[in-house]
């Protein structure tokens, strides 16, 4: 009972049973540190951040000198309370050193401290900790990698170390790192080279990043007697780093190799309820219906499978016309929320199935020649920019309902409006992603100041009514329609989007609706944007949706300039966005 049963269920993957037994152990007065560490980690994995924090706080009340619980809590609160996280990590380090733990046990903790100090701009602290780390742990590869990140962020003339001047320090560290790498086991070599490849990718050094990535892959392929655990660890390392590296390549406009590595998302874990970065349910095993690997589709019948994120599916479906021109038939398996929209927007002979249809045998494997996750099609046919957005618009609203909504919104409150501007200010996903993609209501209100002849319409999914009412109380002309709930009826929501003349939104599903309808749209794009957006600030439009312009959050100055430009766009009458969708030739970069 209690903790042993919880740990057993956790190890077996029965997470609901594990959570039940963890809670039971707490209720029964079991206050051992591993209980709080494991239970909090599981809650965080399930996306229950607040509950996880409560568990860690209780764990520290019962075990105020436990470094493990302190470290776990620091990792949980790092994004939104970095100063508190730093205090927790420092306290954990002091405890581990006071308790006489081996220096190697402090390696990961020291790396986290250096990284957090660097992110907070505490360069002197980061440098001092680096000196402590090198003295305690020695030139451990992952620690050296973190030090390279630190050194690269410093000005060349700045003093990098308390003991040495800055000039030449990086070169010495690189030489030390290379010397150490050659003495590492293959998996450790791979881990360091892949981490450095990601770092170089973030700095825009594509050639060097690809070279390091290939070296990391070569280390993982080194022969030898591999036990099952080592094989599994190598595969996990390959999937995680390849997914992250692939996303970086896509953002850097390297579509060819980027889409190939995007495949690793099918096996890369995700934080929160979505178990994998790319999650889907196949109706047939690969042995029943082969997976499409890019071979010619002439005369073949292809079944495309929905992945978990609604916006991703809507985006990838913009590529459907090109596949229809090649294959004998392309049919879809979609979730219930999207079915009404695409049964209207996609004419016969496209068949759209649901998971219920699959369970009830309404279609069988013999009906098709190949199947494919919808996110996997890009690597086979869509590695050039000119293959995107071939049909515009892709979505079609129900005209009668769209017009009815437009009339109601234009005459709401007794004052007529000539223009309706759809708005959305909050992103979706895990708690961390929501914070990263959203704009505070106070900042967003700058866009909603009175505009002659215009009225703002909330397209925000979730609980938006209270915020809209606050804006209305402040004298802003914003309306919320309680009949529309995108989480319950996306078809009605799409008609609401279509009732607007233009849209301004953060990067969420609203962009896919407005872009698919080809409405003039501005996307307020967070500096923490994901793989579907090119990160070059000179790119001004989405390559998926030509009608979607991009207004970027500045990494240093924040949203001020983007909001100013958005307001100017509103005042100019919301013209169709213009500007480049890419800034470099989409040819694969080759490693040397």
Protein backbone atom coordinates (compact mmCIF):
# COMPACT_ATOMS: atom_id res chain seq x y z
CA UNK A 1 0.00 0.00 0.00
CA UNK A 2 1.00 3.63 -0.19
CA UNK A 3 4.38 4.61 -1.56
CA UNK A 4 5.60 1.13 -2.70
CA UNK A 5 2.36 0.55 -4.64
CA UNK A 6 2.59 4.06 -6.10
CA UNK A 7 6.16 3.54 -7.29
CA UNK A 8 5.27 0.17 -8.78
CA UNK A 9 2.29 1.59 -10.68
CA UNK A 10 4.41 4.57 -11.80
CA UNK A 11 7.12 2.27 -13.19
CA UNK A 12 4.49 0.19 -15.00
CA UNK A 13 2.98 3.27 -16.63
CA UNK A 14 -0.34 3.10 -14.76
CA UNK A 15 -0.28 6.81 -13.96
CA UNK A 16 -3.83 7.12 -12.63
CA UNK A 17 -3.21 4.30 -10.14
CA UNK A 18 0.17 5.80 -9.19
CA UNK A 19 -1.41 9.19 -8.46
CA UNK A 20 -4.10 7.55 -6.33
CA UNK A 21 -1.53 5.71 -4.21
CA UNK A 22 0.79 8.73 -3.90
CA UNK A 23 -2.11 10.76 -2.53
CA UNK A 24 -3.15 7.93 -0.24
CA UNK A 25 0.39 7.74 1.16
CA UNK A 26 0.31 11.47 1.97
CA UNK A 27 -3.13 11.13 3.58
CA UNK A 28 -1.77 8.30 5.71
CA UNK A 29 1.06 10.51 7.00
CA UNK A 30 3.93 9.19 4.87
CA UNK A 31 6.27 12.18 4.56
CA UNK A 32 9.36 10.59 3.02
CA UNK A 33 11.07 12.83 0.44
CA UNK A 34 10.82 10.37 -2.51
CA UNK A 35 7.04 10.48 -2.17
CA UNK A 36 6.91 14.22 -2.79
CA UNK A 37 9.57 14.10 -5.51
CA UNK A 38 7.83 11.36 -7.51
CA UNK A 39 4.28 12.60 -6.98
CA UNK A 40 5.16 16.18 -7.92
CA UNK A 41 7.03 15.03 -11.04
CA UNK A 42 4.03 12.94 -12.13
CA UNK A 43 1.61 15.81 -11.60
CA UNK A 44 3.88 18.10 -13.62
CA UNK A 45 4.00 15.51 -16.40
CA UNK A 46 0.19 15.52 -16.43
CA UNK A 47 0.13 19.32 -16.80
CA UNK A 48 -1.17 19.85 -13.23
CA UNK A 49 1.32 22.55 -12.32
CA UNK A 50 -0.51 24.10 -9.37
CA UNK A 51 -1.15 20.74 -7.73
CA UNK A 52 2.51 19.79 -8.24
CA UNK A 53 3.60 23.01 -6.53
CA UNK A 54 1.31 22.26 -3.58
CA UNK A 55 2.91 18.81 -3.25
CA UNK A 56 6.44 20.24 -3.34
CA UNK A 57 5.54 22.93 -0.80
CA UNK A 58 4.14 20.29 1.55
CA UNK A 59 7.25 18.19 0.97
CA UNK A 60 9.47 21.07 2.06
CA UNK A 61 7.33 21.72 5.12
CA UNK A 62 7.95 18.11 6.14
CA UNK A 63 11.54 17.91 4.85
CA UNK A 64 12.96 21.45 4.78
CA UNK A 65 16.50 20.19 4.18
CA UNK A 66 15.83 17.84 1.28
CA UNK A 67 17.80 18.86 -1.81
CA UNK A 68 15.75 16.65 -4.13
CA UNK A 69 12.43 18.33 -3.36
CA UNK A 70 14.06 21.77 -3.58
CA UNK A 71 15.50 20.96 -6.99
CA UNK A 72 12.19 19.62 -8.30
CA UNK A 73 10.34 22.71 -7.12
CA UNK A 74 12.94 24.96 -8.75
CA UNK A 75 12.48 23.19 -12.08
CA UNK A 76 8.71 23.62 -11.82
CA UNK A 77 8.72 27.36 -11.08
CA UNK A 78 11.73 28.28 -13.20
CA UNK A 79 9.74 29.91 -16.04
CA UNK A 80 7.43 32.19 -14.07
CA UNK A 81 9.36 32.62 -10.78
CA UNK A 82 13.03 32.44 -11.80
CA UNK A 83 14.37 34.31 -8.76
CA UNK A 84 12.66 31.84 -6.39
CA UNK A 85 13.93 28.97 -8.51
CA UNK A 86 17.46 30.33 -8.21
CA UNK A 87 17.13 30.51 -4.41
CA UNK A 88 15.92 26.89 -4.32
CA UNK A 89 18.78 25.66 -6.50
CA UNK A 90 21.39 27.47 -4.42
CA UNK A 91 19.90 26.04 -1.23
CA UNK A 92 19.94 22.56 -2.76
CA UNK A 93 23.60 22.95 -3.75
CA UNK A 94 24.58 24.09 -0.25
CA UNK A 95 22.74 21.11 1.27
CA UNK A 96 24.39 18.59 -1.05
CA UNK A 97 27.86 19.99 -0.35
CA UNK A 98 27.24 20.16 3.40
CA UNK A 99 26.08 16.54 3.39
CA UNK A 100 29.35 15.48 1.78
CA UNK A 101 27.91 14.19 -1.49
CA UNK A 102 30.32 13.26 -4.25
CA UNK A 103 31.11 16.22 -6.54
CA UNK A 104 29.81 14.29 -9.56
CA UNK A 105 26.37 14.19 -7.91
CA UNK A 106 26.27 17.99 -8.06
CA UNK A 107 27.07 18.21 -11.76
CA UNK A 108 23.51 18.52 -13.07
CA UNK A 109 22.60 20.96 -10.31
CA UNK A 110 25.58 23.17 -11.12
CA UNK A 111 24.68 23.15 -14.83
CA UNK A 112 21.13 24.25 -13.98
CA UNK A 113 22.44 27.06 -11.79
CA UNK A 114 24.84 28.33 -14.45
CA UNK A 115 22.10 28.20 -17.07
CA UNK A 116 19.58 30.05 -14.89
CA UNK A 117 22.08 32.74 -13.87
CA UNK A 118 22.93 33.26 -17.52
CA UNK A 119 19.23 33.57 -18.46
CA UNK A 120 18.71 36.11 -15.68
CA UNK A 121 21.66 38.17 -16.87
CA UNK A 122 23.70 37.40 -13.73
CA UNK A 123 26.91 36.91 -15.68
CA UNK A 124 29.23 37.39 -12.70
CA UNK A 125 27.35 34.74 -10.73
CA UNK A 126 27.42 32.40 -13.72
CA UNK A 127 31.17 32.84 -14.11
CA UNK A 128 31.80 32.28 -10.40
CA UNK A 129 29.68 29.13 -10.42
CA UNK A 130 31.54 27.94 -13.50
CA UNK A 131 34.80 28.19 -11.59
CA UNK A 132 33.30 26.25 -8.67
CA UNK A 133 31.96 23.62 -11.06
CA UNK A 134 35.28 23.11 -12.83
CA UNK A 135 37.04 22.82 -9.47
CA UNK A 136 34.51 20.34 -8.02
CA UNK A 137 33.51 18.29 -11.04
CA UNK A 138 36.37 18.80 -13.48
CA UNK A 139 35.96 19.09 -17.25
CA UNK A 140 32.79 17.01 -17.43
CA UNK A 141 31.44 17.20 -21.02
CA UNK A 142 27.94 18.53 -20.43
CA UNK A 143 29.26 21.07 -17.97
CA UNK A 144 31.79 22.24 -20.55
CA UNK A 145 29.00 22.57 -23.05
CA UNK A 146 27.13 24.86 -20.66
CA UNK A 147 30.27 26.91 -20.21
CA UNK A 148 30.57 27.37 -23.97
CA UNK A 149 27.05 28.76 -24.02
CA UNK A 150 28.01 31.15 -21.23
CA UNK A 151 31.21 32.29 -22.91
CA UNK A 152 29.50 32.81 -26.26
CA UNK A 153 27.11 35.25 -24.62
CA UNK A 154 29.86 37.50 -23.31
CA UNK A 155 31.52 40.31 -25.18
CA UNK A 156 35.00 39.46 -26.44
CA UNK A 157 36.62 42.22 -24.43
CA UNK A 158 34.81 41.43 -21.19
CA UNK A 159 36.49 39.65 -18.35
CA UNK A 160 35.27 36.08 -18.58
CA UNK A 161 36.94 34.52 -15.58
CA UNK A 162 38.10 35.80 -12.21
CA UNK A 163 41.47 34.19 -12.96
CA UNK A 164 41.99 34.73 -16.69
CA UNK A 165 41.31 37.53 -19.18
CA UNK A 166 38.62 36.89 -21.76
CA UNK A 167 40.84 36.69 -24.85
CA UNK A 168 41.70 33.08 -25.65
CA UNK A 169 39.58 31.53 -22.90
CA UNK A 170 36.98 30.14 -25.30
CA UNK A 171 39.68 28.63 -27.52
CA UNK A 172 41.29 26.94 -24.52
CA UNK A 173 37.93 25.63 -23.39
CA UNK A 174 37.12 24.28 -26.86
CA UNK A 175 40.46 22.48 -26.98
CA UNK A 176 39.83 21.03 -23.52
CA UNK A 177 36.36 19.99 -24.56
CA UNK A 178 37.57 18.20 -27.72
CA UNK A 179 40.26 16.42 -25.73
CA UNK A 180 37.69 15.27 -23.19
CA UNK A 181 35.15 14.22 -25.81
CA UNK A 182 37.55 11.76 -27.37
CA UNK A 183 37.83 9.97 -24.03
CA UNK A 184 34.07 9.74 -23.50
CA UNK A 185 31.83 6.75 -24.12
CA UNK A 186 29.94 6.94 -27.45
CA UNK A 187 26.61 7.95 -25.92
CA UNK A 188 28.23 10.72 -23.86
CA UNK A 189 30.09 11.94 -26.94
CA UNK A 190 26.83 12.02 -28.86
CA UNK A 191 24.98 13.83 -26.09
CA UNK A 192 27.54 16.62 -25.97
CA UNK A 193 27.90 17.03 -29.72
CA UNK A 194 24.11 17.07 -30.20
CA UNK A 195 23.71 19.64 -27.43
CA UNK A 196 26.37 21.85 -29.02
CA UNK A 197 24.68 21.42 -32.41
CA UNK A 198 21.46 22.79 -30.92
CA UNK A 199 23.38 25.68 -29.42
CA UNK A 200 25.00 26.56 -32.75
CA UNK A 201 21.61 26.29 -34.45
CA UNK A 202 20.17 28.84 -32.00
CA UNK A 203 23.07 31.19 -32.83
CA UNK A 204 22.38 30.87 -36.57
CA UNK A 205 25.53 28.88 -37.39
CA UNK A 206 23.83 26.31 -39.63
CA UNK A 207 26.88 24.71 -41.26
CA UNK A 208 28.64 24.22 -37.94
CA UNK A 209 25.44 22.97 -36.31
CA UNK A 210 24.88 20.35 -39.02
CA UNK A 211 28.48 19.21 -38.77
CA UNK A 212 28.17 18.69 -35.01
CA UNK A 213 24.81 16.98 -35.45
CA UNK A 214 26.30 14.49 -37.94
CA UNK A 215 29.19 13.83 -35.57
CA UNK A 216 26.68 13.14 -32.80
CA UNK A 217 24.82 10.67 -35.01
CA UNK A 218 28.08 8.95 -35.91
CA UNK A 219 28.87 8.47 -32.22
CA UNK A 220 25.45 6.92 -31.64
CA UNK A 221 26.04 4.47 -34.50
CA UNK A 222 29.39 3.26 -33.13
CA UNK A 223 29.39 -0.54 -33.03
CA UNK A 224 29.80 -2.58 -29.93
CA UNK A 225 27.87 -4.90 -27.68
CA UNK A 226 24.79 -2.93 -26.73
CA UNK A 227 22.49 -4.21 -24.01
CA UNK A 228 18.77 -3.39 -24.31
CA UNK A 229 19.02 -0.48 -21.87
CA UNK A 230 21.91 1.14 -23.75
CA UNK A 231 20.03 0.71 -27.05
CA UNK A 232 16.96 2.32 -25.53
CA UNK A 233 18.95 5.24 -24.11
CA UNK A 234 20.62 5.87 -27.45
CA UNK A 235 17.23 5.89 -29.20
CA UNK A 236 15.79 8.34 -26.67
CA UNK A 237 18.79 10.62 -27.10
CA UNK A 238 18.44 10.43 -30.89
CA UNK A 239 14.71 11.18 -30.86
CA UNK A 240 14.81 14.11 -28.46
CA UNK A 241 17.78 15.85 -30.05
CA UNK A 242 16.64 15.16 -33.60
CA UNK A 243 13.18 16.57 -32.85
CA UNK A 244 14.63 19.73 -31.31
CA UNK A 245 17.22 20.09 -34.05
CA UNK A 246 14.61 19.50 -36.75
CA UNK A 247 12.37 22.21 -35.29
CA UNK A 248 15.34 24.58 -35.36
CA UNK A 249 16.02 23.76 -39.00
CA UNK A 250 12.40 24.44 -39.94
CA UNK A 251 12.56 27.81 -38.21
CA UNK A 252 15.81 28.52 -40.09
CA UNK A 253 14.02 27.86 -43.44
CA UNK A 254 15.78 24.51 -43.96
CA UNK A 255 12.69 22.54 -44.95
CA UNK A 256 14.33 19.50 -46.51
CA UNK A 257 16.28 18.16 -43.55
CA UNK A 258 13.93 19.81 -41.07
CA UNK A 259 10.89 17.83 -42.19
CA UNK A 260 12.90 14.60 -42.15
CA UNK A 261 13.84 15.15 -38.51
CA UNK A 262 10.28 16.25 -37.69
CA UNK A 263 9.44 12.51 -37.83
CA UNK A 264 11.15 12.03 -34.48
CA UNK A 265 8.25 13.91 -32.84
CA UNK A 266 6.25 10.67 -33.08
CA UNK A 267 8.61 9.18 -30.47
CA UNK A 268 9.64 12.27 -28.46
CA UNK A 269 7.82 12.70 -25.12
CA UNK A 270 5.86 15.88 -24.46
CA UNK A 271 5.08 17.57 -21.17
CA UNK A 272 1.41 17.57 -20.19
CA UNK A 273 -1.54 15.38 -21.18
CA UNK A 274 -0.27 14.93 -24.76
CA UNK A 275 2.17 12.06 -24.31
CA UNK A 276 4.19 12.67 -27.50
CA UNK A 277 5.16 15.80 -29.41
CA UNK A 278 3.18 14.35 -32.32
CA UNK A 279 0.35 12.13 -31.11
CA UNK A 280 -2.04 10.15 -33.30
CA UNK A 281 -4.20 7.03 -33.30
CA UNK A 282 -3.67 4.66 -36.21
CA UNK A 283 -6.78 2.66 -37.23
CA UNK A 284 -4.58 -0.06 -38.72
CA UNK A 285 -1.19 -1.47 -37.80
CA UNK A 286 1.59 -1.00 -40.34
CA UNK A 287 1.41 -4.73 -41.02
CA UNK A 288 -2.24 -4.28 -42.11
CA UNK A 289 -1.79 -1.05 -44.09
CA UNK A 290 1.74 0.09 -45.00
CA UNK A 291 3.00 3.53 -44.04
CA UNK A 292 3.57 5.86 -47.00
CA UNK A 293 7.29 6.54 -47.33
CA UNK A 294 7.21 8.96 -50.27
CA UNK A 295 6.92 6.52 -53.16
CA UNK A 296 4.80 7.62 -56.19
CA UNK A 297 1.08 7.82 -55.44
CA UNK A 298 -0.16 7.43 -58.99
CA UNK A 299 -3.11 5.03 -58.93
CA UNK A 300 -2.89 4.59 -55.15
CA UNK A 301 -5.37 5.32 -52.35
CA UNK A 302 -3.92 7.23 -49.39
CA UNK A 303 -5.44 7.55 -45.92
CA UNK A 304 -4.19 10.58 -43.94
CA UNK A 305 -4.38 10.40 -40.15
CA UNK A 306 -5.14 13.36 -37.88
CA UNK A 307 -2.60 14.28 -35.25
CA UNK A 308 -3.55 15.60 -31.82
CA UNK A 309 -3.18 19.37 -32.25
CA UNK A 310 -6.20 20.89 -34.03
CA UNK A 311 -4.21 23.81 -35.47
CA UNK A 312 -1.54 21.48 -36.88
CA UNK A 313 -4.19 19.46 -38.71
CA UNK A 314 -5.81 22.56 -40.21
CA UNK A 315 -2.40 23.76 -41.35
CA UNK A 316 -1.27 20.48 -42.93
CA UNK A 317 -4.62 20.13 -44.70
CA UNK A 318 -3.76 23.22 -46.77
CA UNK A 319 -1.37 20.88 -48.62
CA UNK A 320 -4.08 18.38 -49.53
CA UNK A 321 -4.76 19.68 -53.10
CA UNK A 322 -1.24 18.76 -54.26
CA UNK A 323 -1.64 15.17 -53.04
CA UNK A 324 -5.08 14.93 -54.66
CA UNK A 325 -3.55 15.79 -58.03
CA UNK A 326 -1.18 12.83 -57.74
CA UNK A 327 -3.10 10.04 -55.99
CA UNK A 328 -6.17 8.11 -57.10
CA UNK A 329 -7.82 9.03 -53.79
CA UNK A 330 -6.83 10.86 -50.60
CA UNK A 331 -9.17 10.34 -47.64
CA UNK A 332 -8.93 11.59 -44.07
CA UNK A 333 -9.45 10.36 -40.54
CA UNK A 334 -10.26 13.38 -38.35
CA UNK A 335 -11.52 14.14 -34.87
CA UNK A 336 -15.19 15.01 -34.44
CA UNK A 337 -14.58 18.76 -34.01
CA UNK A 338 -13.15 19.21 -37.51
CA UNK A 339 -15.40 16.82 -39.43
CA UNK A 340 -18.32 19.25 -40.16
CA UNK A 341 -15.91 21.92 -41.44
CA UNK A 342 -14.00 19.70 -43.83
CA UNK A 343 -16.99 17.75 -45.09
CA UNK A 344 -18.25 21.10 -46.34
CA UNK A 345 -14.91 22.49 -47.53
CA UNK A 346 -13.60 19.38 -49.30
CA UNK A 347 -15.75 18.23 -52.19
CA UNK A 348 -16.25 14.64 -53.24
CA UNK A 349 -14.61 12.25 -53.74
CA UNK A 350 -12.78 12.92 -50.42
CA UNK A 351 -14.12 10.67 -47.67
CA UNK A 352 -13.75 11.88 -44.10
CA UNK A 353 -13.81 9.24 -41.38
CA UNK A 354 -13.81 9.50 -37.60
CA UNK A 355 -12.29 7.31 -34.89
CA UNK A 356 -15.78 5.97 -34.23
CA UNK A 357 -16.03 4.91 -37.90
CA UNK A 358 -12.78 3.00 -37.50
CA UNK A 359 -13.95 1.23 -34.34
CA UNK A 360 -17.24 0.27 -35.98
CA UNK A 361 -15.56 -1.07 -39.12
CA UNK A 362 -17.12 1.39 -41.57
CA UNK A 363 -13.86 1.34 -43.50
CA UNK A 364 -11.16 -1.34 -43.63
CA UNK A 365 -7.48 -1.57 -44.49
CA UNK A 366 -8.25 -3.10 -47.87
CA UNK A 367 -9.92 0.17 -48.91
CA UNK A 368 -6.45 1.81 -49.10
CA UNK A 369 -2.95 1.15 -50.34
CA UNK A 370 -1.02 3.26 -47.80
CA UNK A 371 -1.62 5.36 -44.67
CA UNK A 372 0.34 8.31 -43.30
CA UNK A 373 0.27 10.71 -40.34
CA UNK A 374 -0.68 14.06 -41.78
CA UNK A 375 2.43 15.75 -40.37
CA UNK A 376 4.67 13.30 -42.23
CA UNK A 377 3.67 14.34 -45.75
CA UNK A 378 5.93 17.40 -45.88
CA UNK A 379 9.20 15.45 -46.01
CA UNK A 380 8.00 13.64 -49.15
CA UNK A 381 6.47 16.41 -51.27
CA UNK A 382 6.77 19.83 -49.60
CA UNK A 383 10.39 20.85 -49.20
CA UNK A 384 10.12 23.89 -51.51
CA UNK A 385 8.36 27.10 -50.60
CA UNK A 386 6.41 27.20 -53.86
CA UNK A 387 4.56 24.02 -52.90
CA UNK A 388 2.72 25.80 -50.04
CA UNK A 389 -0.57 27.74 -50.12
CA UNK A 390 -1.55 26.46 -53.58
CA UNK A 391 -5.27 26.87 -52.87
CA UNK A 392 -6.53 30.09 -51.25
CA UNK A 393 -8.89 30.19 -49.43
CA UNK A 394 -8.90 26.62 -48.14
CA UNK A 395 -11.86 27.02 -45.75
CA UNK A 396 -15.44 28.02 -46.54
CA UNK A 397 -17.96 29.24 -43.94
CA UNK A 398 -21.71 28.67 -43.99
CA UNK A 399 -22.84 31.85 -45.72
CA UNK A 400 -26.26 32.24 -44.09
CA UNK A 401 -24.96 31.80 -40.55
CA UNK A 402 -21.93 33.99 -41.22
CA UNK A 403 -24.18 36.80 -42.48
CA UNK A 404 -26.54 36.42 -39.52
CA UNK A 405 -23.66 36.74 -37.07
CA UNK A 406 -22.21 39.70 -38.92
CA UNK A 407 -25.53 41.55 -38.83
CA UNK A 408 -25.93 40.88 -35.11
CA UNK A 409 -22.42 42.07 -34.27
CA UNK A 410 -22.55 45.15 -36.51
CA UNK A 411 -25.72 46.41 -34.77
CA UNK A 412 -24.90 45.31 -31.22
CA UNK A 413 -25.56 47.89 -28.51
CA UNK A 414 -27.53 50.16 -30.82
CA UNK A 415 -24.48 51.71 -32.53
CA UNK A 416 -23.73 50.45 -36.05
CA UNK A 417 -20.24 49.34 -37.02
CA UNK A 418 -18.86 49.23 -40.54
CA UNK A 419 -15.88 47.00 -39.71
CA UNK A 420 -15.62 43.99 -37.42
CA UNK A 421 -12.15 43.05 -36.13
CA UNK A 422 -11.75 39.59 -34.64
CA UNK A 423 -9.35 39.38 -31.69
CA UNK A 424 -7.62 36.68 -29.65
CA UNK A 425 -4.95 37.32 -27.03
CA UNK A 426 -4.29 34.01 -25.32
CA UNK A 427 -2.44 30.95 -26.60
CA UNK A 428 -3.13 27.30 -25.89
CA UNK A 429 -1.22 24.22 -24.78
CA UNK A 430 0.57 23.58 -21.50
CA UNK A 431 0.76 26.28 -18.84
CA UNK A 432 4.27 27.25 -19.95
CA UNK A 433 3.31 27.49 -23.61
CA UNK A 434 0.23 29.58 -22.76
CA UNK A 435 2.41 32.08 -20.89
CA UNK A 436 4.96 32.15 -23.69
CA UNK A 437 2.44 32.81 -26.48
CA UNK A 438 -0.07 35.12 -24.76
CA UNK A 439 -0.27 38.89 -24.30
CA UNK A 440 -1.57 40.33 -21.04
CA UNK A 441 -5.06 41.88 -21.24
CA UNK A 442 -3.57 45.20 -20.09
CA UNK A 443 -1.14 45.27 -23.02
CA UNK A 444 -3.68 43.97 -25.53
CA UNK A 445 -6.11 46.73 -24.53
CA UNK A 446 -3.80 49.19 -26.34
CA UNK A 447 -5.16 47.79 -29.61
CA UNK A 448 -8.79 48.13 -28.54
CA UNK A 449 -8.90 51.89 -28.05
CA UNK A 450 -11.85 53.50 -29.89
CA UNK A 451 -11.53 53.28 -33.66
CA UNK A 452 -14.10 55.09 -35.83
CA UNK A 453 -16.55 52.67 -37.44
CA UNK A 454 -14.87 49.57 -35.97
CA UNK A 455 -15.98 47.04 -33.38
CA UNK A 456 -13.88 44.24 -31.88
CA UNK A 457 -15.25 40.68 -31.69
CA UNK A 458 -13.75 38.16 -29.28
CA UNK A 459 -12.73 34.96 -31.09
CA UNK A 460 -10.88 33.75 -28.00
CA UNK A 461 -11.63 30.16 -27.03
CA UNK A 462 -11.99 29.29 -23.36
CA UNK A 463 -13.31 31.58 -20.62
CA UNK A 464 -13.09 34.93 -22.38
CA UNK A 465 -16.35 36.55 -21.22
CA UNK A 466 -15.05 38.01 -17.91
CA UNK A 467 -12.13 39.72 -19.65
CA UNK A 468 -14.34 41.13 -22.40
CA UNK A 469 -16.68 42.50 -19.76
CA UNK A 470 -13.75 44.25 -18.04
CA UNK A 471 -12.82 45.88 -21.31
CA UNK A 472 -16.42 46.95 -21.89
CA UNK A 473 -16.56 48.48 -18.42
CA UNK A 474 -13.47 50.47 -19.40
CA UNK A 475 -15.37 51.89 -22.38
CA UNK A 476 -13.90 49.68 -25.12
CA UNK A 477 -16.17 48.47 -27.93
CA UNK A 478 -15.64 44.72 -27.64
CA UNK A 479 -18.30 42.04 -27.78
CA UNK A 480 -18.44 38.42 -26.67
CA UNK A 481 -20.99 35.99 -28.10
CA UNK A 482 -21.89 33.36 -25.47
CA UNK A 483 -23.40 31.13 -28.17
CA UNK A 484 -19.98 30.47 -29.70
CA UNK A 485 -17.61 28.00 -28.06
CA UNK A 486 -14.79 26.73 -30.27
CA UNK A 487 -14.10 23.89 -27.85
CA UNK A 488 -17.67 22.62 -28.33
CA UNK A 489 -18.62 23.67 -31.90
CA UNK A 490 -15.74 24.67 -34.18
CA UNK A 491 -18.01 24.97 -37.19
CA UNK A 492 -19.98 27.79 -35.57
CA UNK A 493 -16.72 29.37 -34.42
CA UNK A 494 -15.43 29.35 -38.01
CA UNK A 495 -18.58 31.15 -39.15
CA UNK A 496 -17.89 33.73 -36.44
CA UNK A 497 -14.33 34.23 -37.73
CA UNK A 498 -15.72 34.59 -41.28
CA UNK A 499 -18.15 37.28 -40.05
CA UNK A 500 -15.15 39.53 -39.35
CA UNK A 501 -13.45 41.80 -41.86
CA UNK A 502 -9.99 41.22 -40.38
CA UNK A 503 -8.34 39.44 -37.46
CA UNK A 504 -5.52 40.22 -35.04
CA UNK A 505 -4.42 37.40 -32.77
CA UNK A 506 -1.55 35.71 -31.00
CA UNK A 507 -0.33 32.42 -32.51
CA UNK A 508 -3.18 30.05 -31.73
CA UNK A 509 -5.97 28.22 -33.57
CA UNK A 510 -7.55 31.56 -34.51
CA UNK A 511 -4.68 32.10 -36.96
CA UNK A 512 -5.49 28.83 -38.72
CA UNK A 513 -9.16 29.75 -39.03
CA UNK A 514 -8.50 33.29 -40.29
CA UNK A 515 -5.63 32.22 -42.55
CA UNK A 516 -7.63 29.35 -43.98
CA UNK A 517 -10.44 31.80 -44.82
CA UNK A 518 -7.87 34.18 -46.39
CA UNK A 519 -8.90 37.10 -44.16
CA UNK A 520 -6.47 40.00 -43.66
CA UNK A 521 -4.77 38.93 -40.44
CA UNK A 522 -1.89 40.00 -38.22
CA UNK A 523 -0.26 37.41 -35.97
CA UNK A 524 1.35 38.81 -32.82
CA UNK A 525 4.19 36.32 -32.71
CA UNK A 526 5.97 35.60 -29.42
CA UNK A 527 9.75 35.45 -29.32
CA UNK A 528 9.19 31.85 -28.14
CA UNK A 529 7.43 30.85 -31.36
CA UNK A 530 7.37 27.23 -32.52
CA UNK A 531 8.58 25.37 -35.61
CA UNK A 532 5.85 26.59 -38.00
CA UNK A 533 7.23 30.15 -38.09
CA UNK A 534 10.47 31.32 -39.69
CA UNK A 535 12.50 33.22 -37.12
CA UNK A 536 14.30 35.64 -39.44
CA UNK A 537 12.80 39.04 -38.45
CA UNK A 538 12.80 40.07 -42.12
CA UNK A 539 10.09 37.46 -42.86
CA UNK A 540 6.82 39.38 -42.75
CA UNK A 541 4.17 36.79 -43.66
CA UNK A 542 3.34 33.14 -42.97
CA UNK A 543 4.33 30.76 -45.74
CA UNK A 544 1.33 28.62 -44.82
CA UNK A 545 -1.22 31.43 -45.07
CA UNK A 546 -0.43 34.36 -47.41
CA UNK A 547 -3.04 36.59 -45.74
CA UNK A 548 -1.35 36.33 -42.31
CA UNK A 549 1.21 39.02 -41.52
CA UNK A 550 3.74 38.70 -38.70
CA UNK A 551 4.36 41.26 -35.94
CA UNK A 552 7.12 39.96 -33.67
CA UNK A 553 7.78 40.41 -29.98
CA UNK A 554 11.26 41.86 -29.56
CA UNK A 555 13.56 39.62 -27.45
CA UNK A 556 14.74 42.64 -25.43
CA UNK A 557 12.06 45.33 -25.76
CA UNK A 558 9.01 43.07 -25.57
CA UNK A 559 5.68 43.77 -27.29
CA UNK A 560 5.78 47.57 -27.53
CA UNK A 561 6.80 47.91 -31.17
CA UNK A 562 4.63 45.03 -32.39
CA UNK A 563 1.56 46.50 -30.69
CA UNK A 564 2.33 49.93 -32.13
CA UNK A 565 2.54 48.48 -35.64
CA UNK A 566 -0.65 46.49 -35.07
CA UNK A 567 -2.52 49.61 -34.04
CA UNK A 568 -1.24 51.45 -37.12
CA UNK A 569 -2.51 48.56 -39.28
CA UNK A 570 -5.94 48.86 -37.67
CA UNK A 571 -5.99 52.60 -38.25
CA UNK A 572 -5.06 52.09 -41.91
CA UNK A 573 -8.16 49.92 -42.45
CA UNK A 574 -6.53 46.47 -42.10
CA UNK A 575 -5.05 46.07 -45.60
CA UNK A 576 -4.02 42.63 -46.81
CA UNK A 577 -0.51 42.03 -45.39
CA UNK A 578 2.42 42.14 -47.80
CA UNK A 579 6.11 41.31 -47.59
CA UNK A 580 8.31 38.23 -47.96
CA UNK A 581 7.32 34.78 -46.70
CA UNK A 582 10.98 33.68 -46.72
CA UNK A 583 14.38 35.31 -46.97
CA UNK A 584 16.69 32.61 -48.28
CA UNK A 585 16.65 29.96 -50.98
CA UNK A 586 15.19 26.78 -49.54
CA UNK A 587 18.09 24.53 -50.42
CA UNK A 588 19.44 22.03 -47.89
CA UNK A 589 22.58 23.08 -46.05
CA UNK A 590 25.22 20.36 -46.29
CA UNK A 591 27.54 19.45 -43.47
CA UNK A 592 31.20 19.70 -44.39
